Each structure stands twice: as structure tokens, then as C-alpha cells.
Amino acid sequence: MSIVLSAAVQAMATAPTVTPQKSSQVTRKPYPNYKVIVLNDDFNTFQHVHDCLVKYIPNMTSDRAWELTEQIHYEGQAIVWVGPQEQAEFYHQQLSRAGLTMAPIEAT
């Protein structure tokens, strides 16, 4: 019995090990974008919301800021910026410090 067992152990030790082939294709997944959302409230004026959007959101035009300000007022909220998480957190913080009512940052 020990002869059979040792032969089996010896056969396992000398058997070649087959490793699976690695795929040469790399699938890149983009980082998610995040939404900065301003909420309607009863204490910020239209002018203040507009001015904050123009001041803190890059490339925000005055016309677009007025459109978003009206959307915030009539629909209760508006997405004012979408992009990478670190920038979204920065713009969110700036608008919040300026007194705007902000929703939590959301991944898209």
C-alpha cells in the first residue's frame, strides 16, 4: 500500500502545472462622473444664486446661470455641473459656503 501511495505522490509532484493564459486585452472602465445639484430654498434670491453659479462654476455663462436659477426655483433643483469627483466636491463646497442649499453629490 505504501508503494502505491508513494508512486501516486511522486506522479503528482512531477506532473506539469498548467496555468491559464492571461488575456492580452485590458478593459478600461472610465471613472464615474458626479453631479452637483443646487436645491430651491426660501431665503436665497435669484440674483444670489445666479451670481454664485457664474462665480464658482467654470465656464458658466450669465444666460445659462439664469436658466439654471429658474429651473431651481420652478422645479426644486438643478444639476449645475457634472464631472470628476474631486472637482464636484470642490464646487459643491464653494456653493454651500456661499449659502446655497445643496443636495448630496451623486454619481452618474
PDB file of N, CA and C in Angstrom:
ATOM      1  N   MET A   1       0.823  -1.187   0.000  1.00  0.00           N
ATOM      2  CA  MET A   1       0.000   0.000   0.000  1.00  0.00           C
ATOM      3  C   MET A   1       0.867   1.249   0.000  1.00  0.00           C
ATOM      4  N   SER A   2       1.941   1.253   0.753  1.00  0.00           N
ATOM      5  CA  SER A   2       2.804   2.429   0.772  1.00  0.00           C
ATOM      6  C   SER A   2       3.511   2.626  -0.558  1.00  0.00           C
ATOM      7  N   ILE A   3       3.733   1.560  -1.306  1.00  0.00           N
ATOM      8  CA  ILE A   3       4.373   1.680  -2.611  1.00  0.00           C
ATOM      9  C   ILE A   3       3.418   2.373  -3.591  1.00  0.00           C
ATOM     10  N   VAL A   4       2.160   2.018  -3.559  1.00  0.00           N
ATOM     11  CA  VAL A   4       1.177   2.615  -4.451  1.00  0.00           C
ATOM     12  C   VAL A   4       0.998   4.090  -4.112  1.00  0.00           C
ATOM     13  N   LEU A   5       0.921   4.382  -2.803  1.00  0.00           N
ATOM     14  CA  LEU A   5       0.739   5.757  -2.355  1.00  0.00           C
ATOM     15  C   LEU A   5       1.933   6.618  -2.734  1.00  0.00           C
ATOM     16  N   SER A   6       3.155   6.113  -2.528  1.00  0.00           N
ATOM     17  CA  SER A   6       4.328   6.920  -2.855  1.00  0.00           C
ATOM     18  C   SER A   6       4.448   7.118  -4.363  1.00  0.00           C
ATOM     19  N   ALA A   7       4.020   6.153  -5.150  1.00  0.00           N
ATOM     20  CA  ALA A   7       4.050   6.319  -6.604  1.00  0.00           C
ATOM     21  C   ALA A   7       3.068   7.405  -7.034  1.00  0.00           C
ATOM     22  N   ALA A   8       1.910   7.457  -6.383  1.00  0.00           N
ATOM     23  CA  ALA A   8       0.913   8.473  -6.701  1.00  0.00           C
ATOM     24  C   ALA A   8       1.421   9.858  -6.320  1.00  0.00           C
ATOM     25  N   VAL A   9       2.058   9.988  -5.158  1.00  0.00           N
ATOM     26  CA  VAL A   9       2.611  11.268  -4.715  1.00  0.00           C
ATOM     27  C   VAL A   9       3.716  11.704  -5.663  1.00  0.00           C
ATOM     28  N   GLN A  10       4.564  10.737  -6.078  1.00  0.00           N
ATOM     29  CA  GLN A  10       5.652  11.062  -6.994  1.00  0.00           C
ATOM     30  C   GLN A  10       5.096  11.508  -8.352  1.00  0.00           C
ATOM     31  N   ALA A  11       4.028  10.881  -8.812  1.00  0.00           N
ATOM     32  CA  ALA A  11       3.422  11.264 -10.092  1.00  0.00           C
ATOM     33  C   ALA A  11       2.844  12.673 -10.023  1.00  0.00           C
ATOM     34  N   MET A  12       2.228  13.032  -8.876  1.00  0.00           N
ATOM     35  CA  MET A  12       1.673  14.377  -8.724  1.00  0.00           C
ATOM     36  C   MET A  12       2.786  15.419  -8.687  1.00  0.00           C
ATOM     37  N   ALA A  13       3.901  15.078  -8.071  1.00  0.00           N
ATOM     38  CA  ALA A  13       4.991  16.029  -7.942  1.00  0.00           C
ATOM     39  C   ALA A  13       5.666  16.305  -9.282  1.00  0.00           C
ATOM     40  N   THR A  14       5.653  15.344 -10.176  1.00  0.00           N
ATOM     41  CA  THR A  14       6.327  15.531 -11.454  1.00  0.00           C
ATOM     42  C   THR A  14       5.381  15.947 -12.576  1.00  0.00           C
ATOM     43  N   ALA A  15       4.076  15.972 -12.309  1.00  0.00           N
ATOM     44  CA  ALA A  15       3.118  16.364 -13.349  1.00  0.00           C
ATOM     45  C   ALA A  15       3.257  17.861 -13.623  1.00  0.00           C
ATOM     46  N   PRO A  16       3.201  18.261 -14.890  1.00  0.00           N
ATOM     47  CA  PRO A  16       3.339  19.682 -15.203  1.00  0.00           C
ATOM     48  C   PRO A  16       2.126  20.473 -14.699  1.00  0.00           C
ATOM     49  N   THR A  17       2.384  21.692 -14.289  1.00  0.00           N
ATOM     50  CA  THR A  17       1.321  22.580 -13.831  1.00  0.00           C
ATOM     51  C   THR A  17       0.929  23.469 -14.995  1.00  0.00           C
ATOM     52  N   VAL A  18      -0.365  23.497 -15.292  1.00  0.00           N
ATOM     53  CA  VAL A  18      -0.856  24.315 -16.394  1.00  0.00           C
ATOM     54  C   VAL A  18      -1.490  25.568 -15.796  1.00  0.00           C
ATOM     55  N   THR A  19      -0.968  26.719 -16.189  1.00  0.00           N
ATOM     56  CA  THR A  19      -1.545  27.971 -15.710  1.00  0.00           C
ATOM     57  C   THR A  19      -2.393  28.561 -16.829  1.00  0.00           C
ATOM     58  N   PRO A  20      -3.507  29.165 -16.470  1.00  0.00           N
ATOM     59  CA  PRO A  20      -4.366  29.742 -17.513  1.00  0.00           C
ATOM     60  C   PRO A  20      -3.672  30.924 -18.195  1.00  0.00           C
ATOM     61  N   GLN A  21      -3.945  31.055 -19.482  1.00  0.00           N
ATOM     62  CA  GLN A  21      -3.382  32.168 -20.245  1.00  0.00           C
ATOM     63  C   GLN A  21      -4.016  33.477 -19.789  1.00  0.00           C
ATOM     64  N   LYS A  22      -3.198  34.492 -19.631  1.00  0.00           N
ATOM     65  CA  LYS A  22      -3.728  35.812 -19.297  1.00  0.00           C
ATOM     66  C   LYS A  22      -4.209  36.478 -20.569  1.00  0.00           C
ATOM     67  N   SER A  23      -5.302  37.182 -20.446  1.00  0.00           N
ATOM     68  CA  SER A  23      -5.832  37.896 -21.597  1.00  0.00           C
ATOM     69  C   SER A  23      -4.942  39.095 -21.893  1.00  0.00           C
ATOM     70  N   SER A  24      -4.659  39.304 -23.166  1.00  0.00           N
ATOM     71  CA  SER A  24      -3.827  40.449 -23.522  1.00  0.00           C
ATOM     72  C   SER A  24      -4.667  41.722 -23.649  1.00  0.00           C
ATOM     73  N   GLN A  25      -5.989  41.578 -23.613  1.00  0.00           N
ATOM     74  CA  GLN A  25      -6.850  42.750 -23.701  1.00  0.00           C
ATOM     75  C   GLN A  25      -7.088  43.328 -22.315  1.00  0.00           C
ATOM     76  N   VAL A  26      -6.973  44.636 -22.227  1.00  0.00           N
ATOM     77  CA  VAL A  26      -7.242  45.331 -20.977  1.00  0.00           C
ATOM     78  C   VAL A  26      -8.515  46.142 -21.184  1.00  0.00           C
ATOM     79  N   THR A  27      -9.478  45.909 -20.326  1.00  0.00           N
ATOM     80  CA  THR A  27     -10.713  46.674 -20.404  1.00  0.00           C
ATOM     81  C   THR A  27     -10.600  47.839 -19.446  1.00  0.00           C
ATOM     82  N   ARG A  28     -10.647  49.019 -19.997  1.00  0.00           N
ATOM     83  CA  ARG A  28     -10.557  50.220 -19.161  1.00  0.00           C
ATOM     84  C   ARG A  28     -11.953  50.731 -18.886  1.00  0.00           C
ATOM     85  N   LYS A  29     -12.223  50.944 -17.630  1.00  0.00           N
ATOM     86  CA  LYS A  29     -13.517  51.466 -17.222  1.00  0.00           C
ATOM     87  C   LYS A  29     -13.320  52.914 -16.798  1.00  0.00           C
ATOM     88  N   PRO A  30     -14.062  53.832 -17.380  1.00  0.00           N
ATOM     89  CA  PRO A  30     -13.866  55.238 -17.014  1.00  0.00           C
ATOM     90  C   PRO A  30     -14.332  55.507 -15.585  1.00  0.00           C
ATOM     91  N   TYR A  31     -13.732  56.502 -14.985  1.00  0.00           N
ATOM     92  CA  TYR A  31     -14.177  56.921 -13.666  1.00  0.00           C
ATOM     93  C   TYR A  31     -15.593  57.481 -13.788  1.00  0.00           C
ATOM     94  N   PRO A  32     -16.411  57.294 -12.766  1.00  0.00           N
ATOM     95  CA  PRO A  32     -17.770  57.850 -12.847  1.00  0.00           C
ATOM     96  C   PRO A  32     -17.732  59.371 -12.712  1.00  0.00           C
ATOM     97  N   ASN A  33     -18.721  60.007 -13.281  1.00  0.00           N
ATOM     98  CA  ASN A  33     -18.893  61.438 -13.093  1.00  0.00           C
ATOM     99  C   ASN A  33     -19.825  61.671 -11.917  1.00  0.00           C
ATOM    100  N   TYR A  34     -19.764  62.858 -11.367  1.00  0.00           N
ATOM    101  CA  TYR A  34     -20.585  63.223 -10.216  1.00  0.00           C
ATOM    102  C   TYR A  34     -21.367  64.493 -10.526  1.00  0.00           C
ATOM    103  N   LYS A  35     -22.583  64.556  -9.999  1.00  0.00           N
ATOM    104  CA  LYS A  35     -23.467  65.690 -10.255  1.00  0.00           C
ATOM    105  C   LYS A  35     -23.467  66.634  -9.062  1.00  0.00           C
ATOM    106  N   VAL A  36     -23.358  67.933  -9.341  1.00  0.00           N
ATOM    107  CA  VAL A  36     -23.510  68.975  -8.331  1.00  0.00           C
ATOM    108  C   VAL A  36     -24.912  69.539  -8.518  1.00  0.00           C
ATOM    109  N   ILE A  37     -25.734  69.415  -7.475  1.00  0.00           N
ATOM    110  CA  ILE A  37     -27.149  69.782  -7.568  1.00  0.00           C
ATOM    111  C   ILE A  37     -27.470  70.866  -6.547  1.00  0.00           C
ATOM    112  N   VAL A  38     -28.045  71.961  -7.037  1.00  0.00           N
ATOM    113  CA  VAL A  38     -28.499  73.051  -6.168  1.00  0.00           C
ATOM    114  C   VAL A  38     -30.002  72.880  -5.959  1.00  0.00           C
ATOM    115  N   LEU A  39     -30.434  73.038  -4.707  1.00  0.00           N
ATOM    116  CA  LEU A  39     -31.846  72.904  -4.348  1.00  0.00           C
ATOM    117  C   LEU A  39     -32.481  74.273  -4.140  1.00  0.00           C
ATOM    118  N   ASN A  40     -33.780  74.330  -4.365  1.00  0.00           N
ATOM    119  CA  ASN A  40     -34.534  75.545  -4.097  1.00  0.00           C
ATOM    120  C   ASN A  40     -34.650  75.748  -2.581  1.00  0.00           C
ATOM    121  N   ASP A  41     -34.708  76.983  -2.162  1.00  0.00           N
ATOM    122  CA  ASP A  41     -34.953  77.299  -0.752  1.00  0.00           C
ATOM    123  C   ASP A  41     -35.734  78.608  -0.693  1.00  0.00           C
ATOM    124  N   ASP A  42     -36.081  79.015   0.507  1.00  0.00           N
ATOM    125  CA  ASP A  42     -36.903  80.218   0.678  1.00  0.00           C
ATOM    126  C   ASP A  42     -36.100  81.454   1.066  1.00  0.00           C
ATOM    127  N   PHE A  43     -34.782  81.368   1.053  1.00  0.00           N
ATOM    128  CA  PHE A  43     -34.030  82.530   1.527  1.00  0.00           C
ATOM    129  C   PHE A  43     -32.992  83.065   0.558  1.00  0.00           C
ATOM    130  N   ASN A  44     -32.544  82.297  -0.446  1.00  0.00           N
ATOM    131  CA  ASN A  44     -31.598  82.830  -1.430  1.00  0.00           C
ATOM    132  C   ASN A  44     -32.356  83.518  -2.556  1.00  0.00           C
ATOM    133  N   THR A  45     -31.875  84.689  -2.942  1.00  0.00           N
ATOM    134  CA  THR A  45     -32.517  85.418  -4.036  1.00  0.00           C
ATOM    135  C   THR A  45     -32.060  84.851  -5.375  1.00  0.00           C
ATOM    136  N   PHE A  46     -32.838  85.138  -6.416  1.00  0.00           N
ATOM    137  CA  PHE A  46     -32.452  84.740  -7.761  1.00  0.00           C
ATOM    138  C   PHE A  46     -31.069  85.299  -8.092  1.00  0.00           C
ATOM    139  N   GLN A  47     -30.866  86.576  -7.768  1.00  0.00           N
ATOM    140  CA  GLN A  47     -29.600  87.234  -8.093  1.00  0.00           C
ATOM    141  C   GLN A  47     -28.429  86.536  -7.418  1.00  0.00           C
ATOM    142  N   HIS A  48     -28.595  86.150  -6.133  1.00  0.00           N
ATOM    143  CA  HIS A  48     -27.508  85.499  -5.401  1.00  0.00           C
ATOM    144  C   HIS A  48     -27.180  84.137  -6.014  1.00  0.00           C
ATOM    145  N   VAL A  49     -28.208  83.355  -6.342  1.00  0.00           N
ATOM    146  CA  VAL A  49     -27.977  82.038  -6.947  1.00  0.00           C
ATOM    147  C   VAL A  49     -27.253  82.217  -8.289  1.00  0.00           C
ATOM    148  N   HIS A  50     -27.751  83.106  -9.112  1.00  0.00           N
ATOM    149  CA  HIS A  50     -27.124  83.401 -10.401  1.00  0.00           C
ATOM    150  C   HIS A  50     -25.656  83.777 -10.220  1.00  0.00           C
ATOM    151  N   ASP A  51     -25.393  84.724  -9.327  1.00  0.00           N
ATOM    152  CA  ASP A  51     -24.028  85.219  -9.125  1.00  0.00           C
ATOM    153  C   ASP A  51     -23.092  84.113  -8.638  1.00  0.00           C
ATOM    154  N   CYS A  52     -23.586  83.246  -7.769  1.00  0.00           N
ATOM    155  CA  CYS A  52     -22.758  82.130  -7.267  1.00  0.00           C
ATOM    156  C   CYS A  52     -22.422  81.155  -8.386  1.00  0.00           C
ATOM    157  N   LEU A  53     -23.401  80.852  -9.226  1.00  0.00           N
ATOM    158  CA  LEU A  53     -23.148  79.925 -10.329  1.00  0.00           C
ATOM    159  C   LEU A  53     -22.091  80.488 -11.274  1.00  0.00           C
ATOM    160  N   VAL A  54     -22.209  81.765 -11.606  1.00  0.00           N
ATOM    161  CA  VAL A  54     -21.238  82.392 -12.500  1.00  0.00           C
ATOM    162  C   VAL A  54     -19.859  82.437 -11.848  1.00  0.00           C
ATOM    163  N   LYS A  55     -19.821  82.711 -10.569  1.00  0.00           N
ATOM    164  CA  LYS A  55     -18.548  82.857  -9.857  1.00  0.00           C
ATOM    165  C   LYS A  55     -17.831  81.517  -9.641  1.00  0.00           C
ATOM    166  N   TYR A  56     -18.556  80.469  -9.284  1.00  0.00           N
ATOM    167  CA  TYR A  56     -17.913  79.226  -8.842  1.00  0.00           C
ATOM    168  C   TYR A  56     -17.916  78.086  -9.858  1.00  0.00           C
ATOM    169  N   ILE A  57     -18.790  78.105 -10.834  1.00  0.00           N
ATOM    170  CA  ILE A  57     -18.836  77.007 -11.809  1.00  0.00           C
ATOM    171  C   ILE A  57     -18.072  77.440 -13.062  1.00  0.00           C
ATOM    172  N   PRO A  58     -17.039  76.698 -13.441  1.00  0.00           N
ATOM    173  CA  PRO A  58     -16.221  77.096 -14.592  1.00  0.00           C
ATOM    174  C   PRO A  58     -17.035  77.183 -15.886  1.00  0.00           C
ATOM    175  N   ASN A  59     -16.722  78.169 -16.673  1.00  0.00           N
ATOM    176  CA  ASN A  59     -17.346  78.392 -17.983  1.00  0.00           C
ATOM    177  C   ASN A  59     -18.852  78.626 -17.921  1.00  0.00           C
ATOM    178  N   MET A  60     -19.368  79.004 -16.766  1.00  0.00           N
ATOM    179  CA  MET A  60     -20.805  79.276 -16.628  1.00  0.00           C
ATOM    180  C   MET A  60     -21.087  80.656 -17.213  1.00  0.00           C
ATOM    181  N   THR A  61     -21.968  80.692 -18.183  1.00  0.00           N
ATOM    182  CA  THR A  61     -22.354  81.974 -18.767  1.00  0.00           C
ATOM    183  C   THR A  61     -23.490  82.575 -17.945  1.00  0.00           C
ATOM    184  N   SER A  62     -23.679  83.856 -18.081  1.00  0.00           N
ATOM    185  CA  SER A  62     -24.760  84.526 -17.373  1.00  0.00           C
ATOM    186  C   SER A  62     -26.116  83.979 -17.808  1.00  0.00           C
ATOM    187  N   ASP A  63     -26.293  83.772 -19.120  1.00  0.00           N
ATOM    188  CA  ASP A  63     -27.572  83.245 -19.614  1.00  0.00           C
ATOM    189  C   ASP A  63     -27.857  81.854 -19.061  1.00  0.00           C
ATOM    190  N   ARG A  64     -26.842  80.999 -19.051  1.00  0.00           N
ATOM    191  CA  ARG A  64     -27.034  79.634 -18.529  1.00  0.00           C
ATOM    192  C   ARG A  64     -27.322  79.675 -17.032  1.00  0.00           C
ATOM    193  N   ALA A  65     -26.655  80.559 -16.307  1.00  0.00           N
ATOM    194  CA  ALA A  65     -26.895  80.693 -14.869  1.00  0.00           C
ATOM    195  C   ALA A  65     -28.342  81.111 -14.593  1.00  0.00           C
ATOM    196  N   TRP A  66     -28.887  82.025 -15.418  1.00  0.00           N
ATOM    197  CA  TRP A  66     -30.292  82.424 -15.239  1.00  0.00           C
ATOM    198  C   TRP A  66     -31.232  81.259 -15.530  1.00  0.00           C
ATOM    199  N   GLU A  67     -30.929  80.465 -16.578  1.00  0.00           N
ATOM    200  CA  GLU A  67     -31.752  79.290 -16.885  1.00  0.00           C
ATOM    201  C   GLU A  67     -31.764  78.308 -15.716  1.00  0.00           C
ATOM    202  N   LEU A  68     -30.585  78.047 -15.162  1.00  0.00           N
ATOM    203  CA  LEU A  68     -30.487  77.120 -14.031  1.00  0.00           C
ATOM    204  C   LEU A  68     -31.169  77.682 -12.791  1.00  0.00           C
ATOM    205  N   THR A  69     -31.032  78.976 -12.565  1.00  0.00           N
ATOM    206  CA  THR A  69     -31.680  79.612 -11.417  1.00  0.00           C
ATOM    207  C   THR A  69     -33.198  79.457 -11.507  1.00  0.00           C
ATOM    208  N   GLU A  70     -33.745  79.661 -12.690  1.00  0.00           N
ATOM    209  CA  GLU A  70     -35.189  79.472 -12.875  1.00  0.00           C
ATOM    210  C   GLU A  70     -35.582  78.012 -12.694  1.00  0.00           C
ATOM    211  N   GLN A  71     -34.761  77.093 -13.195  1.00  0.00           N
ATOM    212  CA  GLN A  71     -35.044  75.668 -13.015  1.00  0.00           C
ATOM    213  C   GLN A  71     -35.045  75.307 -11.533  1.00  0.00           C
ATOM    214  N   ILE A  72     -34.081  75.819 -10.802  1.00  0.00           N
ATOM    215  CA  ILE A  72     -34.020  75.567  -9.360  1.00  0.00           C
ATOM    216  C   ILE A  72     -35.302  76.055  -8.695  1.00  0.00           C
ATOM    217  N   HIS A  73     -35.733  77.260  -9.052  1.00  0.00           N
ATOM    218  CA  HIS A  73     -36.929  77.842  -8.441  1.00  0.00           C
ATOM    219  C   HIS A  73     -38.201  77.073  -8.800  1.00  0.00           C
ATOM    220  N   TYR A  74     -38.398  76.779 -10.077  1.00  0.00           N
ATOM    221  CA  TYR A  74     -39.657  76.190 -10.524  1.00  0.00           C
ATOM    222  C   TYR A  74     -39.722  74.669 -10.410  1.00  0.00           C
ATOM    223  N   GLU A  75     -38.571  73.994 -10.506  1.00  0.00           N
ATOM    224  CA  GLU A  75     -38.561  72.531 -10.445  1.00  0.00           C
ATOM    225  C   GLU A  75     -38.010  72.001  -9.125  1.00  0.00           C
ATOM    226  N   GLY A  76     -37.470  72.887  -8.307  1.00  0.00           N
ATOM    227  CA  GLY A  76     -36.980  72.470  -6.988  1.00  0.00           C
ATOM    228  C   GLY A  76     -35.507  72.138  -6.935  1.00  0.00           C
ATOM    229  N   GLN A  77     -34.890  71.954  -8.098  1.00  0.00           N
ATOM    230  CA  GLN A  77     -33.459  71.649  -8.132  1.00  0.00           C
ATOM    231  C   GLN A  77     -32.947  71.718  -9.556  1.00  0.00           C
ATOM    232  N   ALA A  78     -31.622  71.787  -9.680  1.00  0.00           N
ATOM    233  CA  ALA A  78     -30.993  71.743 -10.997  1.00  0.00           C
ATOM    234  C   ALA A  78     -29.584  71.191 -10.854  1.00  0.00           C
ATOM    235  N   ILE A  79     -29.190  70.398 -11.834  1.00  0.00           N
ATOM    236  CA  ILE A  79     -27.805  69.930 -11.917  1.00  0.00           C
ATOM    237  C   ILE A  79     -27.014  71.071 -12.544  1.00  0.00           C
ATOM    238  N   VAL A  80     -26.059  71.605 -11.792  1.00  0.00           N
ATOM    239  CA  VAL A  80     -25.318  72.769 -12.269  1.00  0.00           C
ATOM    240  C   VAL A  80     -23.930  72.422 -12.807  1.00  0.00           C
ATOM    241  N   TRP A  81     -23.466  71.208 -12.516  1.00  0.00           N
ATOM    242  CA  TRP A  81     -22.158  70.789 -13.020  1.00  0.00           C
ATOM    243  C   TRP A  81     -22.062  69.274 -12.929  1.00  0.00           C
ATOM    244  N   VAL A  82     -21.374  68.648 -13.892  1.00  0.00           N
ATOM    245  CA  VAL A  82     -21.123  67.204 -13.885  1.00  0.00           C
ATOM    246  C   VAL A  82     -19.674  66.978 -14.272  1.00  0.00           C
ATOM    247  N   GLY A  83     -18.977  66.134 -13.499  1.00  0.00           N
ATOM    248  CA  GLY A  83     -17.585  65.842 -13.818  1.00  0.00           C
ATOM    249  C   GLY A  83     -16.937  64.995 -12.743  1.00  0.00           C
ATOM    250  N   PRO A  84     -15.595  64.971 -12.724  1.00  0.00           N
ATOM    251  CA  PRO A  84     -14.853  64.140 -11.772  1.00  0.00           C
ATOM    252  C   PRO A  84     -15.171  64.471 -10.311  1.00  0.00           C
ATOM    253  N   GLN A  85     -15.040  63.463  -9.466  1.00  0.00           N
ATOM    254  CA  GLN A  85     -15.446  63.581  -8.065  1.00  0.00           C
ATOM    255  C   GLN A  85     -14.741  64.711  -7.321  1.00  0.00           C
ATOM    256  N   GLU A  86     -13.444  64.826  -7.473  1.00  0.00           N
ATOM    257  CA  GLU A  86     -12.704  65.840  -6.708  1.00  0.00           C
ATOM    258  C   GLU A  86     -13.174  67.258  -7.049  1.00  0.00           C
ATOM    259  N   GLN A  87     -13.378  67.519  -8.337  1.00  0.00           N
ATOM    260  CA  GLN A  87     -13.861  68.840  -8.735  1.00  0.00           C
ATOM    261  C   GLN A  87     -15.299  69.045  -8.268  1.00  0.00           C
ATOM    262  N   ALA A  88     -16.120  68.008  -8.378  1.00  0.00           N
ATOM    263  CA  ALA A  88     -17.514  68.110  -7.931  1.00  0.00           C
ATOM    264  C   ALA A  88     -17.567  68.465  -6.446  1.00  0.00           C
ATOM    265  N   GLU A  89     -16.728  67.819  -5.646  1.00  0.00           N
ATOM    266  CA  GLU A  89     -16.689  68.115  -4.207  1.00  0.00           C
ATOM    267  C   GLU A  89     -16.263  69.559  -3.966  1.00  0.00           C
ATOM    268  N   PHE A  90     -15.309  70.042  -4.752  1.00  0.00           N
ATOM    269  CA  PHE A  90     -14.825  71.411  -4.601  1.00  0.00           C
ATOM    270  C   PHE A  90     -15.924  72.426  -4.931  1.00  0.00           C
ATOM    271  N   TYR A  91     -16.600  72.261  -6.062  1.00  0.00           N
ATOM    272  CA  TYR A  91     -17.663  73.195  -6.448  1.00  0.00           C
ATOM    273  C   TYR A  91     -18.833  73.120  -5.474  1.00  0.00           C
ATOM    274  N   HIS A  92     -19.136  71.915  -5.040  1.00  0.00           N
ATOM    275  CA  HIS A  92     -20.211  71.725  -4.057  1.00  0.00           C
ATOM    276  C   HIS A  92     -19.898  72.508  -2.781  1.00  0.00           C
ATOM    277  N   GLN A  93     -18.671  72.394  -2.321  1.00  0.00           N
ATOM    278  CA  GLN A  93     -18.244  73.087  -1.103  1.00  0.00           C
ATOM    279  C   GLN A  93     -18.302  74.604  -1.276  1.00  0.00           C
ATOM    280  N   GLN A  94     -17.860  75.104  -2.407  1.00  0.00           N
ATOM    281  CA  GLN A  94     -17.880  76.545  -2.643  1.00  0.00           C
ATOM    282  C   GLN A  94     -19.315  77.090  -2.653  1.00  0.00           C
ATOM    283  N   LEU A  95     -20.198  76.405  -3.368  1.00  0.00           N
ATOM    284  CA  LEU A  95     -21.587  76.854  -3.432  1.00  0.00           C
ATOM    285  C   LEU A  95     -22.256  76.770  -2.067  1.00  0.00           C
ATOM    286  N   SER A  96     -21.956  75.729  -1.336  1.00  0.00           N
ATOM    287  CA  SER A  96     -22.514  75.569   0.012  1.00  0.00           C
ATOM    288  C   SER A  96     -22.032  76.679   0.940  1.00  0.00           C
ATOM    289  N   ARG A  97     -20.748  76.988   0.891  1.00  0.00           N
ATOM    290  CA  ARG A  97     -20.195  78.066   1.726  1.00  0.00           C
ATOM    291  C   ARG A  97     -20.771  79.428   1.357  1.00  0.00           C
ATOM    292  N   ALA A  98     -21.192  79.570   0.096  1.00  0.00           N
ATOM    293  CA  ALA A  98     -21.808  80.822  -0.348  1.00  0.00           C
ATOM    294  C   ALA A  98     -23.266  80.910   0.089  1.00  0.00           C
ATOM    295  N   GLY A  99     -23.764  79.860   0.722  1.00  0.00           N
ATOM    296  CA  GLY A  99     -25.109  79.885   1.282  1.00  0.00           C
ATOM    297  C   GLY A  99     -26.178  79.186   0.473  1.00  0.00           C
ATOM    298  N   LEU A 100     -25.800  78.574  -0.662  1.00  0.00           N
ATOM    299  CA  LEU A 100     -26.804  77.863  -1.441  1.00  0.00           C
ATOM    300  C   LEU A 100     -27.151  76.540  -0.761  1.00  0.00           C
ATOM    301  N   THR A 101     -28.377  76.088  -0.979  1.00  0.00           N
ATOM    302  CA  THR A 101     -28.828  74.819  -0.422  1.00  0.00           C
ATOM    303  C   THR A 101     -28.470  73.728  -1.425  1.00  0.00           C
ATOM    304  N   MET A 102     -27.673  72.773  -0.969  1.00  0.00           N
ATOM    305  CA  MET A 102     -27.115  71.769  -1.868  1.00  0.00           C
ATOM    306  C   MET A 102     -27.637  70.371  -1.542  1.00  0.00           C
ATOM    307  N   ALA A 103     -27.856  69.585  -2.601  1.00  0.00           N
ATOM    308  CA  ALA A 103     -28.125  68.159  -2.433  1.00  0.00           C
ATOM    309  C   ALA A 103     -26.774  67.458  -2.289  1.00  0.00           C
ATOM    310  N   PRO A 104     -26.762  66.253  -1.713  1.00  0.00           N
ATOM    311  CA  PRO A 104     -25.502  65.498  -1.679  1.00  0.00           C
ATOM    312  C   PRO A 104     -25.005  65.225  -3.102  1.00  0.00           C
ATOM    313  N   ILE A 105     -23.706  65.127  -3.261  1.00  0.00           N
ATOM    314  CA  ILE A 105     -23.132  64.829  -4.563  1.00  0.00           C
ATOM    315  C   ILE A 105     -23.563  63.416  -4.960  1.00  0.00           C
ATOM    316  N   GLU A 106     -23.960  63.255  -6.224  1.00  0.00           N
ATOM    317  CA  GLU A 106     -24.430  61.952  -6.717  1.00  0.00           C
ATOM    318  C   GLU A 106     -23.548  61.485  -7.860  1.00  0.00           C
ATOM    319  N   ALA A 107     -23.227  60.181  -7.867  1.00  0.00           N
ATOM    320  CA  ALA A 107     -22.545  59.600  -9.008  1.00  0.00           C
ATOM    321  C   ALA A 107     -23.543  59.429 -10.145  1.00  0.00           C
ATOM    322  N   THR A 108     -23.063  59.625 -11.372  1.00  0.00           N
ATOM    323  CA  THR A 108     -23.964  59.459 -12.515  1.00  0.00           C
ATOM    324  C   THR A 108     -23.973  58.021 -12.974  1.00  0.00           C
TER     325      THR A 108
END
